Amino acid sequence: MTTYRIVRFYKDAGRAHPRTIARGLTLKEAQAHCSDPETSSSTATTPEAKARTAKLGPWFDGYTAE
């Protein structure tokens, strides 16, 4: 069975490199994670997400097969 990992990507790669957030997920789990509005700087509203955006610039979570 193929598993997936969540990777956080940043628009400005010079400030932060892609970072693995989770591993070993099913396709449905990975898709559900990435469908959450809190997984993109353009739609996130939590203080943590806003602080990340202020510090590192625009970002989003994506998934890829492991």
N, C-alpha and C. Protein backbone atom coordinates (compact mmCIF):
# COMPACT_ATOMS: atom_id res chain seq x y z
N MET A 1 0.84 -1.17 0.00
CA MET A 1 0.00 0.00 0.00
C MET A 1 0.89 1.25 0.00
N THR A 2 0.56 2.19 -0.82
CA THR A 2 1.29 3.46 -0.88
C THR A 2 0.90 4.32 0.31
N THR A 3 1.89 4.92 0.96
CA THR A 3 1.61 5.90 2.00
C THR A 3 2.08 7.26 1.53
N TYR A 4 1.61 8.28 2.23
CA TYR A 4 1.87 9.66 1.81
C TYR A 4 2.44 10.46 2.98
N ARG A 5 3.17 11.50 2.63
CA ARG A 5 3.68 12.40 3.65
C ARG A 5 3.22 13.82 3.33
N ILE A 6 3.02 14.59 4.39
CA ILE A 6 2.64 15.99 4.27
C ILE A 6 3.92 16.82 4.30
N VAL A 7 4.05 17.72 3.34
CA VAL A 7 5.22 18.59 3.26
C VAL A 7 4.74 20.03 3.28
N ARG A 8 5.37 20.85 4.12
CA ARG A 8 5.06 22.28 4.15
C ARG A 8 6.04 22.99 3.22
N PHE A 9 5.48 23.69 2.25
CA PHE A 9 6.27 24.44 1.27
C PHE A 9 6.16 25.93 1.56
N TYR A 10 7.24 26.64 1.32
CA TYR A 10 7.28 28.09 1.52
C TYR A 10 7.55 28.77 0.19
N LYS A 11 6.89 29.90 -0.05
CA LYS A 11 7.09 30.64 -1.31
C LYS A 11 8.53 31.09 -1.45
N ASP A 12 9.09 31.60 -0.37
CA ASP A 12 10.48 32.07 -0.39
C ASP A 12 11.39 30.97 0.14
N ALA A 13 11.87 30.13 -0.75
CA ALA A 13 12.70 28.98 -0.35
C ALA A 13 13.99 29.41 0.34
N GLY A 14 14.41 30.66 0.16
CA GLY A 14 15.61 31.14 0.82
C GLY A 14 15.42 31.35 2.32
N ARG A 15 14.16 31.50 2.75
CA ARG A 15 13.88 31.73 4.17
C ARG A 15 13.59 30.43 4.90
N ALA A 16 12.98 29.47 4.24
CA ALA A 16 12.63 28.20 4.89
C ALA A 16 12.53 27.12 3.83
N HIS A 17 13.16 26.00 4.07
CA HIS A 17 13.11 24.87 3.15
C HIS A 17 11.86 24.04 3.43
N PRO A 18 11.38 23.28 2.43
CA PRO A 18 10.24 22.40 2.67
C PRO A 18 10.50 21.50 3.89
N ARG A 19 9.45 21.27 4.67
CA ARG A 19 9.59 20.50 5.89
C ARG A 19 8.50 19.44 5.96
N THR A 20 8.87 18.20 6.30
CA THR A 20 7.89 17.14 6.44
C THR A 20 7.12 17.33 7.74
N ILE A 21 5.80 17.33 7.64
CA ILE A 21 4.92 17.53 8.78
C ILE A 21 4.41 16.21 9.34
N ALA A 22 4.12 15.25 8.45
CA ALA A 22 3.58 13.94 8.87
C ALA A 22 3.98 12.89 7.83
N ARG A 23 4.04 11.65 8.27
CA ARG A 23 4.38 10.52 7.39
C ARG A 23 3.42 9.36 7.62
N GLY A 24 3.40 8.46 6.65
CA GLY A 24 2.64 7.22 6.81
C GLY A 24 1.13 7.37 6.70
N LEU A 25 0.67 8.38 6.01
CA LEU A 25 -0.76 8.63 5.89
C LEU A 25 -1.35 7.91 4.68
N THR A 26 -2.64 7.62 4.78
CA THR A 26 -3.36 7.11 3.61
C THR A 26 -3.63 8.30 2.69
N LEU A 27 -4.01 8.01 1.47
CA LEU A 27 -4.34 9.07 0.53
C LEU A 27 -5.48 9.93 1.08
N LYS A 28 -6.50 9.30 1.64
CA LYS A 28 -7.64 10.04 2.19
C LYS A 28 -7.20 10.96 3.33
N GLU A 29 -6.33 10.47 4.20
CA GLU A 29 -5.84 11.28 5.31
C GLU A 29 -5.04 12.47 4.80
N ALA A 30 -4.19 12.24 3.81
CA ALA A 30 -3.38 13.32 3.25
C ALA A 30 -4.27 14.37 2.57
N GLN A 31 -5.25 13.91 1.83
CA GLN A 31 -6.16 14.83 1.16
C GLN A 31 -6.99 15.62 2.17
N ALA A 32 -7.42 14.96 3.23
CA ALA A 32 -8.20 15.65 4.27
C ALA A 32 -7.35 16.73 4.94
N HIS A 33 -6.11 16.40 5.23
CA HIS A 33 -5.23 17.39 5.85
C HIS A 33 -5.09 18.62 4.96
N CYS A 34 -4.81 18.39 3.70
CA CYS A 34 -4.56 19.49 2.78
C CYS A 34 -5.82 20.27 2.41
N SER A 35 -6.98 19.71 2.70
CA SER A 35 -8.25 20.41 2.44
C SER A 35 -8.62 21.35 3.59
N ASP A 36 -7.95 21.22 4.71
CA ASP A 36 -8.22 22.06 5.88
C ASP A 36 -7.74 23.49 5.60
N PRO A 37 -8.57 24.49 5.83
CA PRO A 37 -8.16 25.87 5.59
C PRO A 37 -6.93 26.29 6.40
N GLU A 38 -6.65 25.61 7.49
CA GLU A 38 -5.51 25.97 8.34
C GLU A 38 -4.17 25.48 7.78
N THR A 39 -4.19 24.88 6.59
CA THR A 39 -2.96 24.35 6.01
C THR A 39 -2.42 25.21 4.87
N SER A 40 -2.82 26.48 4.87
CA SER A 40 -2.32 27.43 3.88
C SER A 40 -2.31 28.82 4.49
N SER A 41 -1.26 29.56 4.25
CA SER A 41 -1.18 30.92 4.81
C SER A 41 -2.28 31.82 4.27
N SER A 42 -2.81 31.52 3.12
CA SER A 42 -3.85 32.39 2.53
C SER A 42 -5.21 32.21 3.19
N THR A 43 -5.42 31.11 3.93
CA THR A 43 -6.72 30.86 4.55
C THR A 43 -6.64 30.58 6.04
N ALA A 44 -5.46 30.38 6.58
CA ALA A 44 -5.30 30.05 8.00
C ALA A 44 -5.63 31.25 8.88
N THR A 45 -6.19 30.98 10.06
CA THR A 45 -6.60 32.05 10.96
C THR A 45 -6.03 31.90 12.38
N THR A 46 -5.39 30.79 12.69
CA THR A 46 -4.87 30.61 14.05
C THR A 46 -3.69 31.53 14.31
N PRO A 47 -3.48 31.90 15.56
CA PRO A 47 -2.32 32.74 15.89
C PRO A 47 -0.99 32.10 15.47
N GLU A 48 -0.88 30.78 15.64
CA GLU A 48 0.34 30.07 15.25
C GLU A 48 0.60 30.21 13.74
N ALA A 49 -0.44 30.02 12.95
CA ALA A 49 -0.30 30.12 11.49
C ALA A 49 0.03 31.55 11.07
N LYS A 50 -0.61 32.51 11.69
CA LYS A 50 -0.33 33.91 11.36
C LYS A 50 1.10 34.29 11.72
N ALA A 51 1.58 33.78 12.87
CA ALA A 51 2.97 34.05 13.27
C ALA A 51 3.95 33.42 12.29
N ARG A 52 3.65 32.20 11.84
CA ARG A 52 4.51 31.51 10.86
C ARG A 52 4.58 32.33 9.57
N THR A 53 3.45 32.83 9.14
CA THR A 53 3.40 33.62 7.91
C THR A 53 4.19 34.92 8.07
N ALA A 54 4.04 35.56 9.21
CA ALA A 54 4.77 36.81 9.45
C ALA A 54 6.28 36.58 9.46
N LYS A 55 6.69 35.44 10.00
CA LYS A 55 8.11 35.15 10.12
C LYS A 55 8.72 34.61 8.82
N LEU A 56 7.99 33.71 8.13
CA LEU A 56 8.56 32.99 7.00
C LEU A 56 7.93 33.29 5.65
N GLY A 57 6.87 34.05 5.63
CA GLY A 57 6.19 34.36 4.38
C GLY A 57 5.15 33.32 4.01
N PRO A 58 4.56 33.45 2.84
CA PRO A 58 3.50 32.54 2.41
C PRO A 58 3.94 31.07 2.38
N TRP A 59 3.01 30.17 2.71
CA TRP A 59 3.30 28.75 2.79
C TRP A 59 2.01 27.97 2.52
N PHE A 60 2.16 26.69 2.24
CA PHE A 60 1.03 25.78 2.13
C PHE A 60 1.51 24.35 2.37
N ASP A 61 0.59 23.49 2.77
CA ASP A 61 0.89 22.07 2.94
C ASP A 61 0.44 21.31 1.71
N GLY A 62 1.29 20.41 1.24
CA GLY A 62 0.97 19.52 0.13
C GLY A 62 1.30 18.09 0.53
N TYR A 63 1.00 17.14 -0.32
CA TYR A 63 1.33 15.76 -0.01
C TYR A 63 2.02 15.09 -1.19
N THR A 64 2.79 14.07 -0.87
CA THR A 64 3.50 13.32 -1.90
C THR A 64 3.60 11.86 -1.45
N ALA A 65 3.66 10.96 -2.39
CA ALA A 65 3.81 9.54 -2.07
C ALA A 65 5.20 9.31 -1.47
N GLU A 66 5.26 8.39 -0.51
CA GLU A 66 6.54 8.05 0.10
C GLU A 66 7.21 6.93 -0.65
